Amino acid sequence: MRFSPLEKYEIIRLVEQSNTSVNKTLQELGTHKSTFYSWYNAYLEDGYDGLARKPPERKQYWNQIPEKEKQLIIELALENPEKSSREIACLYTDTYKRYASESSVYRILKAKGLIQAPAFELVRASKEFTDKTIRPNEMWQTDFTYFKIPGWGWYYLSTILDDYSRFIVHWKLCKNMTAKDAEETVEEALMLSNLSRNNMPRLLSDNGSSYIAQDFRTYLKDNDIKQLHGKAGHPQTQGKIERYHRSMKNVIKLDVYYSPMELEYALKNFVPYYNYERYHESLQNITPADVYFGRANQIINERQKIKAKTLQKRRKNYYQKQNVSKIYSDSFLGQPKTLKNDVGNKFCDELLLNPKLNLTLN
């Protein structure tokens, strides 16, 4: 039970004016002796104001994000409201060359009311594709999805997605969903990718009528393209392009389009954003274009260097405020964070008690 300052003051006055002993009076009041004396000492030191409940002081750690950096994260989130906290964390690292973990960014944005609930339910495939690709253009996934345009009817979007990088190689909005439409999509994708005859990708599709048609099979055979089909009734095989279509529709279908030209314009804006700007979680938060064009390792290594440099700077700034030259030694590598913090804080306390000590861990 928590007492108000007035109640604490009344108990102090009752004990002071009581004719019996302090212990007996406190027993009758149902107040513990140590609790009473903590109130009484605060009252003697600061008067009535000392009886007010003081907020607990949060323990400070060396790796806390400075307030200036928190403000930068908030400003970045306000400038990019469509991005999640995960994407904001990556964008912050790439933009300002400083590191902030995804969980830290989430907490900062949530405290400011900038975190929104997801607009759709996440569904994971039950199994993974067994033969995973190891390079771009080793295998492409293709599929159709559909849109209904008022006054125009149904239109079908044919997409070619690189299996390794999730890069959208090509897309085509079609009036029909025939083998000819699928063939033209593949042909245009091959022209854009400029692949040699002996370096043709495999093509993974479902068992739709356009993909099992004899004309389409003949075209693939003439171009030395091996065709693969997903298992019937098992769309997880084409999970990457299925997932792309769902992510794309979550954005595109927020508007109503009254002509195919309007829909094409929206797709022309979304596909470059997806390829070159959107951080893909399954690609270690790299854009599909970075993976497709071979920049992924360079970016990941750079982020690791930024992370190490940022943490080193925070640690140095924190312990410099405690007048400590060096607090972590090689012996602490791989030790739990709690052990590092406990030893570091005890070391700082010892130095604050005796500033003349020249204590350094080597």
Protein backbone atom coordinates (compact mmCIF):
# COMPACT_ATOMS: atom_id res chain seq x y z
CA MET A 1 0.00 0.00 0.00
CA ARG A 2 1.34 3.40 -0.93
CA PHE A 3 0.83 6.39 1.35
CA SER A 4 0.38 9.97 0.26
CA PRO A 5 2.71 12.68 1.69
CA LEU A 6 -0.12 13.83 3.98
CA GLU A 7 -0.63 10.30 5.37
CA LYS A 8 3.11 9.90 5.97
CA TYR A 9 3.18 13.26 7.76
CA GLU A 10 0.24 12.23 9.98
CA ILE A 11 2.01 8.99 10.95
CA ILE A 12 5.18 10.93 11.83
CA ARG A 13 3.20 13.35 13.99
CA LEU A 14 1.41 10.47 15.75
CA VAL A 15 4.72 8.77 16.55
CA GLU A 16 6.27 12.02 17.80
CA GLN A 17 3.32 12.79 20.09
CA SER A 18 2.78 9.23 21.29
CA ASN A 19 3.34 8.44 25.00
CA THR A 20 4.38 4.86 24.18
CA SER A 21 7.53 3.60 22.52
CA VAL A 22 8.14 4.02 18.84
CA ASN A 23 8.02 0.28 18.15
CA LYS A 24 4.69 -0.18 19.89
CA THR A 25 3.16 2.84 18.18
CA LEU A 26 4.28 1.62 14.77
CA GLN A 27 2.91 -1.85 15.47
CA GLU A 28 -0.48 -0.35 16.28
CA LEU A 29 -0.34 1.72 13.08
CA GLY A 30 0.72 -1.30 11.02
CA THR A 31 3.86 0.44 9.72
CA HIS A 32 7.23 -1.24 9.45
CA LYS A 33 10.04 0.36 11.46
CA SER A 34 12.48 0.70 8.55
CA THR A 35 9.77 2.25 6.39
CA PHE A 36 8.95 4.80 9.06
CA TYR A 37 12.58 5.85 9.54
CA SER A 38 13.10 6.27 5.81
CA TRP A 39 10.13 8.66 5.84
CA TYR A 40 11.37 10.38 8.97
CA ASN A 41 14.89 10.91 7.62
CA ALA A 42 13.48 12.37 4.43
CA TYR A 43 11.22 14.64 6.47
CA LEU A 44 14.11 15.88 8.63
CA GLU A 45 16.24 16.53 5.56
CA ASP A 46 13.74 18.13 3.16
CA GLY A 47 10.68 18.83 5.29
CA TYR A 48 7.21 18.03 3.99
CA ASP A 49 8.43 17.98 0.37
CA GLY A 50 10.75 15.09 1.25
CA LEU A 51 7.70 12.88 1.82
CA ALA A 52 6.64 13.06 -1.82
CA ARG A 53 7.17 9.87 -3.80
CA LYS A 54 10.27 10.21 -5.95
CA PRO A 55 10.30 8.61 -9.40
CA PRO A 56 12.83 5.78 -9.67
CA GLU A 57 16.04 6.72 -11.38
CA ARG A 58 16.70 4.71 -14.48
CA LYS A 59 20.05 3.02 -14.58
CA GLN A 60 22.33 4.37 -17.27
CA TYR A 61 24.27 2.08 -19.61
CA TRP A 62 27.07 2.86 -21.99
CA ASN A 63 25.18 1.65 -25.07
CA GLN A 64 22.11 3.85 -24.67
CA ILE A 65 21.18 5.88 -27.74
CA PRO A 66 21.79 9.62 -27.21
CA GLU A 67 18.81 11.96 -27.33
CA LYS A 68 20.10 13.68 -30.48
CA GLU A 69 20.20 10.36 -32.32
CA LYS A 70 16.71 9.48 -31.07
CA GLN A 71 15.46 12.72 -32.57
CA LEU A 72 17.08 11.87 -35.89
CA ILE A 73 15.31 8.49 -35.87
CA ILE A 74 11.96 10.15 -35.15
CA GLU A 75 12.47 12.71 -37.93
CA LEU A 76 13.42 9.92 -40.34
CA ALA A 77 10.24 8.02 -39.45
CA LEU A 78 8.11 11.13 -39.98
CA GLU A 79 9.71 11.69 -43.40
CA ASN A 80 9.08 8.04 -44.37
CA PRO A 81 5.69 7.11 -42.87
CA GLU A 82 5.33 4.09 -45.18
CA LYS A 83 8.40 2.35 -43.72
CA SER A 84 8.35 -0.03 -40.76
CA SER A 85 10.63 0.28 -37.73
CA ARG A 86 12.89 -2.40 -39.26
CA GLU A 87 13.28 -0.36 -42.44
CA ILE A 88 13.81 2.86 -40.47
CA ALA A 89 16.66 1.19 -38.55
CA CYS A 90 18.40 0.21 -41.80
CA LEU A 91 17.72 3.59 -43.41
CA TYR A 92 19.15 5.34 -40.34
CA THR A 93 22.37 3.31 -40.58
CA ASP A 94 22.73 3.87 -44.33
CA THR A 95 21.87 7.60 -44.14
CA TYR A 96 23.68 8.79 -41.02
CA LYS A 97 26.37 6.09 -40.78
CA ARG A 98 25.35 5.29 -37.20
CA TYR A 99 23.90 2.11 -35.80
CA ALA A 100 20.61 1.57 -33.98
CA SER A 101 19.08 -1.86 -33.50
CA GLU A 102 15.62 -2.68 -34.83
CA SER A 103 14.27 -3.22 -31.30
CA SER A 104 15.62 0.15 -30.12
CA VAL A 105 14.07 1.96 -33.09
CA TYR A 106 10.78 0.17 -32.43
CA ARG A 107 10.75 1.31 -28.78
CA ILE A 108 11.63 4.90 -29.72
CA LEU A 109 8.88 5.12 -32.34
CA LYS A 110 6.32 3.34 -30.17
CA ALA A 111 6.92 5.84 -27.34
CA LYS A 112 6.07 8.62 -29.82
CA GLY A 113 2.99 6.84 -31.15
CA LEU A 114 4.51 6.25 -34.58
CA ILE A 115 4.03 2.47 -34.68
CA GLN A 116 0.95 1.23 -36.52
CA ALA A 117 -0.58 -2.23 -36.44
CA PRO A 118 0.03 -4.26 -39.62
CA ALA A 119 -2.72 -3.92 -42.20
CA PHE A 120 -2.72 -7.64 -42.97
CA GLU A 121 -2.05 -10.95 -41.31
CA LEU A 122 1.33 -12.53 -42.00
CA VAL A 123 1.21 -16.07 -43.37
CA ARG A 124 4.31 -18.21 -43.63
CA ALA A 125 4.79 -21.07 -46.05
CA SER A 126 4.99 -24.44 -44.37
CA LYS A 127 8.00 -25.66 -46.40
CA GLU A 128 10.95 -24.16 -48.22
CA PHE A 129 11.94 -24.74 -51.82
CA THR A 130 14.46 -27.57 -51.73
CA ASP A 131 16.83 -26.54 -54.54
CA LYS A 132 17.84 -23.04 -53.45
CA THR A 133 19.50 -20.74 -55.95
CA ILE A 134 23.00 -19.40 -55.32
CA ARG A 135 23.28 -16.57 -57.88
CA PRO A 136 21.11 -14.07 -59.79
CA ASN A 137 19.41 -15.21 -63.00
CA GLU A 138 19.79 -18.86 -62.05
CA MET A 139 16.02 -19.24 -61.81
CA TRP A 140 13.09 -16.92 -62.43
CA GLN A 141 9.61 -17.20 -60.98
CA THR A 142 6.63 -16.06 -63.01
CA ASP A 143 2.93 -15.74 -62.33
CA PHE A 144 -0.21 -13.78 -63.20
CA THR A 145 -2.32 -11.74 -60.82
CA TYR A 146 -5.43 -9.77 -61.66
CA PHE A 147 -7.03 -6.34 -61.19
CA LYS A 148 -10.55 -5.20 -61.95
CA ILE A 149 -10.79 -1.72 -63.47
CA PRO A 150 -14.30 -0.13 -63.39
CA GLY A 151 -15.66 0.24 -66.90
CA TRP A 152 -12.74 -1.72 -68.41
CA GLY A 153 -13.06 -5.16 -66.87
CA TRP A 154 -10.31 -7.50 -65.75
CA TYR A 155 -6.62 -6.90 -66.44
CA TYR A 156 -3.82 -9.35 -65.69
CA LEU A 157 -0.34 -8.53 -64.44
CA SER A 158 2.40 -10.89 -65.62
CA THR A 159 5.60 -10.66 -63.55
CA ILE A 160 9.10 -12.14 -63.77
CA LEU A 161 10.92 -12.28 -60.41
CA ASP A 162 14.51 -13.40 -59.90
CA ASP A 163 14.44 -16.22 -57.36
CA TYR A 164 17.81 -15.43 -55.74
CA SER A 165 17.48 -11.67 -55.28
CA ARG A 166 13.68 -11.13 -55.41
CA PHE A 167 14.42 -8.51 -58.07
CA ILE A 168 11.54 -7.77 -60.45
CA VAL A 169 13.17 -8.38 -63.82
CA HIS A 170 10.11 -7.39 -65.84
CA TRP A 171 6.34 -6.97 -65.63
CA LYS A 172 3.60 -6.54 -68.22
CA LEU A 173 -0.05 -5.56 -67.83
CA CYS A 174 -2.13 -7.70 -70.18
CA LYS A 175 -5.74 -7.72 -71.30
CA ASN A 176 -5.73 -11.53 -71.36
CA MET A 177 -3.86 -14.34 -69.63
CA THR A 178 -2.82 -16.43 -72.62
CA ALA A 179 0.35 -18.30 -73.51
CA LYS A 180 1.21 -15.46 -75.90
CA ASP A 181 1.13 -12.96 -73.02
CA ALA A 182 3.38 -15.19 -70.90
CA GLU A 183 5.76 -15.65 -73.85
CA GLU A 184 6.01 -11.90 -74.50
CA THR A 185 6.77 -11.27 -70.80
CA VAL A 186 9.63 -13.79 -70.82
CA GLU A 187 10.96 -12.49 -74.15
CA GLU A 188 11.06 -8.87 -72.93
CA ALA A 189 12.68 -9.97 -69.64
CA LEU A 190 15.43 -11.76 -71.57
CA MET A 191 16.09 -8.65 -73.64
CA LEU A 192 16.33 -6.46 -70.53
CA SER A 193 18.63 -8.87 -68.68
CA ASN A 194 20.88 -9.35 -71.76
CA LEU A 195 21.70 -12.97 -70.91
CA SER A 196 23.76 -15.13 -73.22
CA ARG A 197 22.35 -18.22 -74.89
CA ASN A 198 24.30 -20.61 -72.63
CA ASN A 199 23.30 -18.76 -69.46
CA MET A 200 19.53 -19.00 -69.64
CA PRO A 201 17.59 -19.18 -66.33
CA ARG A 202 15.23 -21.92 -65.30
CA LEU A 203 11.60 -20.78 -65.23
CA LEU A 204 9.37 -21.73 -62.28
CA SER A 205 5.60 -21.33 -62.65
CA ASP A 206 2.37 -22.84 -61.49
CA ASN A 207 0.18 -25.10 -63.63
CA GLY A 208 -1.93 -22.34 -65.16
CA SER A 209 -3.26 -22.84 -68.66
CA SER A 210 -0.89 -20.25 -70.14
CA TYR A 211 2.18 -22.02 -68.71
CA ILE A 212 1.27 -25.56 -69.74
CA ALA A 213 0.21 -24.61 -73.27
CA GLN A 214 2.16 -26.30 -76.04
CA ASP A 215 3.07 -23.00 -77.73
CA PHE A 216 4.65 -21.69 -74.53
CA ARG A 217 6.59 -24.92 -73.97
CA THR A 218 7.87 -24.81 -77.53
CA TYR A 219 9.05 -21.22 -77.09
CA LEU A 220 10.98 -22.12 -73.92
CA LYS A 221 12.54 -25.15 -75.59
CA ASP A 222 13.67 -23.07 -78.56
CA ASN A 223 15.41 -20.67 -76.16
CA ASP A 224 17.02 -23.43 -74.06
CA ILE A 225 14.98 -22.47 -70.98
CA LYS A 226 14.18 -25.33 -68.62
CA GLN A 227 10.64 -25.13 -67.26
CA LEU A 228 9.69 -26.12 -63.71
CA HIS A 229 6.17 -26.43 -62.32
CA GLY A 230 5.06 -26.10 -58.74
CA LYS A 231 3.20 -28.97 -57.16
CA ALA A 232 -0.54 -28.77 -57.81
CA GLY A 233 -2.41 -27.31 -54.83
CA HIS A 234 0.86 -26.24 -53.20
CA PRO A 235 1.37 -22.49 -53.92
CA GLN A 236 4.27 -22.29 -51.43
CA THR A 237 6.54 -23.46 -54.25
CA GLN A 238 6.04 -20.04 -55.90
CA GLY A 239 6.02 -18.39 -52.49
CA LYS A 240 8.38 -15.55 -53.40
CA ILE A 241 6.35 -14.19 -56.29
CA GLU A 242 3.09 -14.88 -54.45
CA ARG A 243 4.43 -12.86 -51.53
CA TYR A 244 5.52 -10.07 -53.85
CA HIS A 245 2.09 -9.87 -55.42
CA ARG A 246 0.48 -9.59 -52.01
CA SER A 247 2.90 -6.86 -50.86
CA MET A 248 2.36 -5.01 -54.13
CA LYS A 249 -1.44 -5.22 -53.91
CA ASN A 250 -1.42 -3.99 -50.31
CA VAL A 251 -0.09 -0.70 -51.71
CA ILE A 252 -1.53 -0.54 -55.24
CA LYS A 253 -5.09 -1.42 -54.26
CA LEU A 254 -5.29 1.45 -51.78
CA ASP A 255 -6.46 3.53 -54.76
CA VAL A 256 -9.17 3.00 -57.36
CA TYR A 257 -8.07 3.11 -61.00
CA TYR A 258 -10.46 4.07 -63.78
CA SER A 259 -8.22 3.18 -66.70
CA PRO A 260 -5.38 0.74 -67.45
CA MET A 261 -3.06 3.73 -67.92
CA GLU A 262 -3.62 4.83 -64.32
CA LEU A 263 -2.84 1.31 -63.07
CA GLU A 264 0.30 1.12 -65.21
CA TYR A 265 1.47 4.48 -63.84
CA ALA A 266 1.03 3.23 -60.25
CA LEU A 267 2.96 0.04 -61.06
CA LYS A 268 5.77 2.06 -62.68
CA ASN A 269 6.14 3.91 -59.40
CA PHE A 270 5.92 0.87 -57.13
CA VAL A 271 8.29 -1.53 -58.92
CA PRO A 272 11.36 0.79 -58.76
CA TYR A 273 10.57 1.48 -55.11
CA TYR A 274 10.41 -2.25 -54.42
CA ASN A 275 13.59 -3.01 -56.38
CA TYR A 276 15.81 -0.11 -55.31
CA GLU A 277 14.48 1.38 -52.06
CA ARG A 278 12.52 -1.17 -50.03
CA TYR A 279 14.65 -3.09 -47.52
CA HIS A 280 13.80 -6.79 -47.85
CA GLU A 281 13.77 -8.62 -44.51
CA SER A 282 14.62 -12.02 -46.01
CA LEU A 283 17.65 -10.46 -47.77
CA GLN A 284 19.26 -9.26 -44.51
CA ASN A 285 17.58 -5.88 -45.00
CA ILE A 286 19.18 -5.24 -48.39
CA THR A 287 17.21 -4.08 -51.42
CA PRO A 288 16.62 -6.65 -54.20
CA ALA A 289 18.65 -4.50 -56.60
CA ASP A 290 21.68 -4.58 -54.31
CA VAL A 291 21.57 -8.37 -54.29
CA TYR A 292 20.82 -8.67 -58.02
CA PHE A 293 23.73 -6.41 -59.02
CA GLY A 294 26.18 -7.90 -56.51
CA ARG A 295 26.41 -5.06 -53.94
CA ALA A 296 25.01 -7.02 -50.98
CA ASN A 297 28.27 -8.13 -49.32
CA GLN A 298 29.76 -4.67 -49.56
CA ILE A 299 26.72 -3.08 -47.88
CA ILE A 300 26.52 -5.71 -45.14
CA ASN A 301 30.23 -5.34 -44.35
CA GLU A 302 29.89 -1.57 -44.25
CA ARG A 303 26.97 -1.83 -41.84
CA GLN A 304 28.98 -4.12 -39.58
CA LYS A 305 31.80 -1.55 -39.50
CA ILE A 306 29.32 1.24 -38.72
CA LYS A 307 27.82 -0.85 -35.92
CA ALA A 308 31.21 -1.57 -34.35
CA LYS A 309 32.29 2.06 -34.67
CA THR A 310 29.03 3.37 -33.18
CA LEU A 311 29.15 1.03 -30.18
CA GLN A 312 32.81 1.82 -29.58
CA LYS A 313 32.05 5.56 -29.63
CA ARG A 314 29.10 5.21 -27.23
CA ARG A 315 31.20 3.12 -24.84
CA LYS A 316 34.05 5.63 -24.96
CA ASN A 317 31.76 8.63 -24.39
CA TYR A 318 29.99 6.93 -21.48
CA TYR A 319 33.11 5.95 -19.58
CA GLN A 320 34.86 9.25 -20.28
CA LYS A 321 32.08 10.89 -18.28
CA GLN A 322 33.00 8.51 -15.47
CA ASN A 323 36.70 9.53 -15.76
CA VAL A 324 37.69 6.05 -16.89
CA SER A 325 40.19 5.65 -19.68
CA LYS A 326 39.39 2.04 -20.60
CA ILE A 327 36.88 -0.29 -19.00
CA TYR A 328 36.69 -3.32 -21.26
CA SER A 329 39.55 -5.69 -21.86
CA ASP A 330 40.00 -8.59 -24.24
CA SER A 331 39.09 -10.95 -21.43
CA PHE A 332 35.50 -9.68 -21.61
CA LEU A 333 34.98 -10.67 -25.23
CA GLY A 334 32.09 -13.12 -25.49
CA GLN A 335 30.92 -12.50 -21.92
CA PRO A 336 27.27 -11.72 -21.15
CA LYS A 337 26.19 -8.07 -21.29
CA THR A 338 25.05 -8.15 -17.64
CA LEU A 339 28.54 -9.17 -16.48
CA LYS A 340 30.16 -6.38 -18.52
CA ASN A 341 27.78 -3.77 -17.11
CA ASP A 342 28.18 -4.95 -13.49
CA VAL A 343 31.98 -4.94 -13.65
CA GLY A 344 32.05 -1.62 -15.46
CA ASN A 345 29.73 0.07 -12.98
CA LYS A 346 31.64 -1.27 -9.95
CA PHE A 347 34.89 -0.08 -11.50
CA CYS A 348 33.43 3.41 -12.02
CA ASP A 349 32.08 3.52 -8.45
CA GLU A 350 35.53 2.67 -7.09
CA LEU A 351 37.13 5.44 -9.12
CA LEU A 352 34.53 8.00 -8.06
CA LEU A 353 35.21 7.21 -4.38
CA ASN A 354 38.93 7.71 -4.89
CA PRO A 355 39.62 9.89 -7.98
CA LYS A 356 43.36 9.73 -7.40
CA LEU A 357 43.47 6.06 -8.30
CA ASN A 358 44.88 5.33 -11.71
CA LEU A 359 42.88 2.21 -12.52
CA THR A 360 42.93 0.88 -16.05
CA LEU A 361 42.06 -2.56 -17.32
CA ASN A 362 44.40 -3.71 -20.05
